[in-house]
Amino acid sequence: MAGEPIGRRADYRHFRPVPTRWMDNDVYGHVNNVVYYSYFDTVVNLYLVEEGGLDFALGPVIGIVAESMCRYRKALAYPETVDAGLRVGRLGNSSVRYEIGLFRAGDDEAAAEGHFVHVFVDRDGRRPTPIPAGMRAALARIAVP
């Protein structure tokens, strides 16, 4: 939204490089808007798997996306490697709001910023359930005050 400050690298707690792919570009020569969400999903889920112990294939608890948003500031394009910054903006009992910034290599200002909210549910019944302790600890490490 107009007037909101552009996020900077220092605003984020965890980074993951995400290479753009040939197919990410649209007819206008830049990454298509829907692809930004796949970058968000990639950085979040890799963090959950590597740091939080998420077993998305067999684990009893899974995260369901309840909300998402992206604000586009500068175009990204293939071939670039995007630095995806991640932080936790809110950590609830069964939900978490991830905040993501996408940065060009060497750029201090975000090219895009957004968020999405996971609600953790039990795999079988799809009822909200508390975030498992190991995952909660990993999320708390990248939470902003």
C-alpha atoms as a PDB file:
ATOM      1  CA  MET A   1       0.000   0.000   0.000  1.00  0.00           C
ATOM      2  CA  ALA A   2       1.141   3.465  -0.771  1.00  0.00           C
ATOM      3  CA  GLY A   3       3.242   5.111   1.847  1.00  0.00           C
ATOM      4  CA  GLU A   4       4.248   1.931   3.649  1.00  0.00           C
ATOM      5  CA  PRO A   5       8.003   1.592   4.065  1.00  0.00           C
ATOM      6  CA  ILE A   6       9.776  -0.930   1.869  1.00  0.00           C
ATOM      7  CA  GLY A   7      11.218  -3.833   3.818  1.00  0.00           C
ATOM      8  CA  ARG A   8      14.960  -4.226   4.161  1.00  0.00           C
ATOM      9  CA  ARG A   9      17.152  -7.298   4.537  1.00  0.00           C
ATOM     10  CA  ALA A  10      17.774  -6.506   8.201  1.00  0.00           C
ATOM     11  CA  ASP A  11      14.031  -6.895   8.834  1.00  0.00           C
ATOM     12  CA  TYR A  12      14.210 -10.654   8.182  1.00  0.00           C
ATOM     13  CA  ARG A  13      15.667 -13.428  10.347  1.00  0.00           C
ATOM     14  CA  HIS A  14      16.271 -16.290   7.874  1.00  0.00           C
ATOM     15  CA  PHE A  15      17.289 -16.331   4.211  1.00  0.00           C
ATOM     16  CA  ARG A  16      17.124 -18.934   1.470  1.00  0.00           C
ATOM     17  CA  PRO A  17      18.301 -18.503  -2.142  1.00  0.00           C
ATOM     18  CA  VAL A  18      15.585 -19.335  -4.672  1.00  0.00           C
ATOM     19  CA  PRO A  19      16.665 -19.535  -8.324  1.00  0.00           C
ATOM     20  CA  THR A  20      14.177 -18.276 -10.859  1.00  0.00           C
ATOM     21  CA  ARG A  21      13.318 -20.648 -13.698  1.00  0.00           C
ATOM     22  CA  TRP A  22      12.806 -20.023 -17.404  1.00  0.00           C
ATOM     23  CA  MET A  23       9.111 -20.849 -17.045  1.00  0.00           C
ATOM     24  CA  ASP A  24       8.664 -18.248 -14.257  1.00  0.00           C
ATOM     25  CA  ASN A  25       8.768 -15.356 -16.740  1.00  0.00           C
ATOM     26  CA  ASP A  26       5.570 -14.237 -18.407  1.00  0.00           C
ATOM     27  CA  VAL A  27       5.065 -12.599 -21.815  1.00  0.00           C
ATOM     28  CA  TYR A  28       6.144  -9.262 -20.334  1.00  0.00           C
ATOM     29  CA  GLY A  29       9.626 -10.594 -19.551  1.00  0.00           C
ATOM     30  CA  HIS A  30       9.392 -10.736 -15.769  1.00  0.00           C
ATOM     31  CA  VAL A  31       8.347 -13.265 -13.143  1.00  0.00           C
ATOM     32  CA  ASN A  32       4.572 -13.710 -13.244  1.00  0.00           C
ATOM     33  CA  ASN A  33       2.720 -12.561 -10.140  1.00  0.00           C
ATOM     34  CA  VAL A  34       1.450 -16.032  -9.152  1.00  0.00           C
ATOM     35  CA  VAL A  35       5.013 -17.405  -9.081  1.00  0.00           C
ATOM     36  CA  TYR A  36       5.911 -15.119  -6.165  1.00  0.00           C
ATOM     37  CA  TYR A  37       3.572 -17.224  -4.030  1.00  0.00           C
ATOM     38  CA  SER A  38       5.493 -20.371  -4.959  1.00  0.00           C
ATOM     39  CA  TYR A  39       8.690 -18.675  -3.762  1.00  0.00           C
ATOM     40  CA  PHE A  40       6.925 -17.862  -0.475  1.00  0.00           C
ATOM     41  CA  ASP A  41       5.770 -21.462  -0.145  1.00  0.00           C
ATOM     42  CA  THR A  42       9.271 -22.761  -0.910  1.00  0.00           C
ATOM     43  CA  VAL A  43      11.082 -20.713   1.742  1.00  0.00           C
ATOM     44  CA  VAL A  44       8.464 -21.413   4.420  1.00  0.00           C
ATOM     45  CA  ASN A  45       8.168 -25.147   3.853  1.00  0.00           C
ATOM     46  CA  LEU A  46      11.916 -25.717   3.552  1.00  0.00           C
ATOM     47  CA  TYR A  47      12.326 -23.924   6.873  1.00  0.00           C
ATOM     48  CA  LEU A  48       9.625 -26.080   8.463  1.00  0.00           C
ATOM     49  CA  VAL A  49      11.172 -29.294   7.119  1.00  0.00           C
ATOM     50  CA  GLU A  50      14.815 -28.452   7.875  1.00  0.00           C
ATOM     51  CA  GLU A  51      14.435 -26.541  11.142  1.00  0.00           C
ATOM     52  CA  GLY A  52      11.049 -27.579  12.522  1.00  0.00           C
ATOM     53  CA  GLY A  53      10.922 -31.280  11.698  1.00  0.00           C
ATOM     54  CA  LEU A  54       7.838 -31.100   9.465  1.00  0.00           C
ATOM     55  CA  ASP A  55       7.016 -34.438   7.859  1.00  0.00           C
ATOM     56  CA  PHE A  56       4.552 -33.287   5.209  1.00  0.00           C
ATOM     57  CA  ALA A  57       4.131 -36.801   3.807  1.00  0.00           C
ATOM     58  CA  LEU A  58       3.413 -38.816   6.969  1.00  0.00           C
ATOM     59  CA  GLY A  59       3.359 -36.497   9.987  1.00  0.00           C
ATOM     60  CA  PRO A  60       0.199 -36.262  12.105  1.00  0.00           C
ATOM     61  CA  VAL A  61       0.120 -32.437  11.897  1.00  0.00           C
ATOM     62  CA  ILE A  62       0.060 -30.387   8.681  1.00  0.00           C
ATOM     63  CA  GLY A  63      -0.254 -26.691   7.872  1.00  0.00           C
ATOM     64  CA  ILE A  64      -3.155 -25.409   5.772  1.00  0.00           C
ATOM     65  CA  VAL A  65      -2.883 -21.944   4.205  1.00  0.00           C
ATOM     66  CA  ALA A  66      -5.725 -19.749   5.458  1.00  0.00           C
ATOM     67  CA  GLU A  67      -4.618 -16.371   4.057  1.00  0.00           C
ATOM     68  CA  SER A  68      -2.017 -14.935   1.697  1.00  0.00           C
ATOM     69  CA  MET A  69      -0.983 -11.553   0.318  1.00  0.00           C
ATOM     70  CA  CYS A  70       1.812 -10.080  -1.806  1.00  0.00           C
ATOM     71  CA  ARG A  71       2.885  -6.494  -2.448  1.00  0.00           C
ATOM     72  CA  TYR A  72       4.994  -6.077  -5.597  1.00  0.00           C
ATOM     73  CA  ARG A  73       7.640  -3.347  -5.546  1.00  0.00           C
ATOM     74  CA  LYS A  74      10.182  -4.202  -8.284  1.00  0.00           C
ATOM     75  CA  ALA A  75      10.103  -6.761 -11.076  1.00  0.00           C
ATOM     76  CA  LEU A  76      12.109  -9.973 -10.808  1.00  0.00           C
ATOM     77  CA  ALA A  77      13.106 -11.938 -13.906  1.00  0.00           C
ATOM     78  CA  TYR A  78      14.826 -15.085 -15.090  1.00  0.00           C
ATOM     79  CA  PRO A  79      17.783 -15.607 -14.776  1.00  0.00           C
ATOM     80  CA  GLU A  80      18.101 -14.273 -11.241  1.00  0.00           C
ATOM     81  CA  THR A  81      18.570 -15.915  -7.889  1.00  0.00           C
ATOM     82  CA  VAL A  82      16.199 -14.382  -5.387  1.00  0.00           C
ATOM     83  CA  ASP A  83      17.125 -14.092  -1.709  1.00  0.00           C
ATOM     84  CA  ALA A  84      13.929 -14.994   0.152  1.00  0.00           C
ATOM     85  CA  GLY A  85      13.833 -13.523   3.650  1.00  0.00           C
ATOM     86  CA  LEU A  86      11.573 -15.069   6.273  1.00  0.00           C
ATOM     87  CA  ARG A  87      10.309 -14.046   9.690  1.00  0.00           C
ATOM     88  CA  VAL A  88       7.354 -14.915  11.903  1.00  0.00           C
ATOM     89  CA  GLY A  89       5.052 -11.967  12.547  1.00  0.00           C
ATOM     90  CA  ARG A  90       2.631 -13.801  14.831  1.00  0.00           C
ATOM     91  CA  LEU A  91       2.890 -17.165  16.547  1.00  0.00           C
ATOM     92  CA  GLY A  92      -0.396 -18.437  17.952  1.00  0.00           C
ATOM     93  CA  ASN A  93      -1.430 -21.740  19.495  1.00  0.00           C
ATOM     94  CA  SER A  94      -2.394 -23.424  16.209  1.00  0.00           C
ATOM     95  CA  SER A  95      -1.564 -20.748  13.646  1.00  0.00           C
ATOM     96  CA  VAL A  96       1.411 -18.745  12.438  1.00  0.00           C
ATOM     97  CA  ARG A  97       1.776 -15.711  10.207  1.00  0.00           C
ATOM     98  CA  TYR A  98       4.908 -15.869   8.064  1.00  0.00           C
ATOM     99  CA  GLU A  99       6.248 -12.666   6.541  1.00  0.00           C
ATOM    100  CA  ILE A 100       8.417 -12.983   3.463  1.00  0.00           C
ATOM    101  CA  GLY A 101      10.599 -10.512   1.569  1.00  0.00           C
ATOM    102  CA  LEU A 102      12.042 -11.285  -1.861  1.00  0.00           C
ATOM    103  CA  PHE A 103      15.304  -9.536  -2.662  1.00  0.00           C
ATOM    104  CA  ARG A 104      17.481  -9.273  -5.749  1.00  0.00           C
ATOM    105  CA  ALA A 105      21.092 -10.251  -5.113  1.00  0.00           C
ATOM    106  CA  GLY A 106      22.874  -7.274  -3.552  1.00  0.00           C
ATOM    107  CA  ASP A 107      19.659  -5.239  -3.136  1.00  0.00           C
ATOM    108  CA  ASP A 108      18.807  -4.055   0.377  1.00  0.00           C
ATOM    109  CA  GLU A 109      15.177  -3.193  -0.449  1.00  0.00           C
ATOM    110  CA  ALA A 110      12.601  -5.913  -1.073  1.00  0.00           C
ATOM    111  CA  ALA A 111      11.355  -6.431  -4.614  1.00  0.00           C
ATOM    112  CA  ALA A 112       8.214  -7.969  -3.127  1.00  0.00           C
ATOM    113  CA  GLU A 113       6.832  -8.542   0.344  1.00  0.00           C
ATOM    114  CA  GLY A 114       3.979 -10.617   1.561  1.00  0.00           C
ATOM    115  CA  HIS A 115       2.619 -12.952   4.145  1.00  0.00           C
ATOM    116  CA  PHE A 116       0.691 -16.114   4.574  1.00  0.00           C
ATOM    117  CA  VAL A 117      -0.980 -17.761   7.504  1.00  0.00           C
ATOM    118  CA  HIS A 118      -0.802 -21.464   8.265  1.00  0.00           C
ATOM    119  CA  VAL A 119      -3.361 -23.085  10.513  1.00  0.00           C
ATOM    120  CA  PHE A 120      -2.002 -26.372  11.815  1.00  0.00           C
ATOM    121  CA  VAL A 121      -4.475 -29.238  11.747  1.00  0.00           C
ATOM    122  CA  ASP A 122      -4.425 -32.939  12.461  1.00  0.00           C
ATOM    123  CA  ARG A 123      -3.918 -34.787   9.188  1.00  0.00           C
ATOM    124  CA  ASP A 124      -6.939 -37.070   9.447  1.00  0.00           C
ATOM    125  CA  GLY A 125      -9.683 -34.877  10.909  1.00  0.00           C
ATOM    126  CA  ARG A 126      -8.442 -31.492   9.638  1.00  0.00           C
ATOM    127  CA  ARG A 127      -9.228 -29.919  13.016  1.00  0.00           C
ATOM    128  CA  PRO A 128      -6.955 -27.163  14.404  1.00  0.00           C
ATOM    129  CA  THR A 129      -4.282 -28.552  16.685  1.00  0.00           C
ATOM    130  CA  PRO A 130      -1.427 -26.991  18.671  1.00  0.00           C
ATOM    131  CA  ILE A 131       1.802 -26.417  16.776  1.00  0.00           C
ATOM    132  CA  PRO A 132       4.204 -29.257  17.726  1.00  0.00           C
ATOM    133  CA  ALA A 133       6.890 -28.234  20.250  1.00  0.00           C
ATOM    134  CA  GLY A 134       9.892 -28.656  17.914  1.00  0.00           C
ATOM    135  CA  MET A 135       8.230 -26.651  15.167  1.00  0.00           C
ATOM    136  CA  ARG A 136       7.121 -23.974  17.632  1.00  0.00           C
ATOM    137  CA  ALA A 137      10.709 -23.601  18.868  1.00  0.00           C
ATOM    138  CA  ALA A 138      11.976 -23.207  15.292  1.00  0.00           C
ATOM    139  CA  LEU A 139       9.302 -20.611  14.533  1.00  0.00           C
ATOM    140  CA  ALA A 140      10.040 -18.706  17.742  1.00  0.00           C
ATOM    141  CA  ARG A 141      13.700 -18.369  16.646  1.00  0.00           C
ATOM    142  CA  ILE A 142      12.680 -16.239  13.652  1.00  0.00           C
ATOM    143  CA  ALA A 143       9.822 -14.349  15.311  1.00  0.00           C
ATOM    144  CA  VAL A 144       9.888 -10.569  15.456  1.00  0.00           C
ATOM    145  CA  PRO A 145       9.005  -8.820  18.701  1.00  0.00           C
END
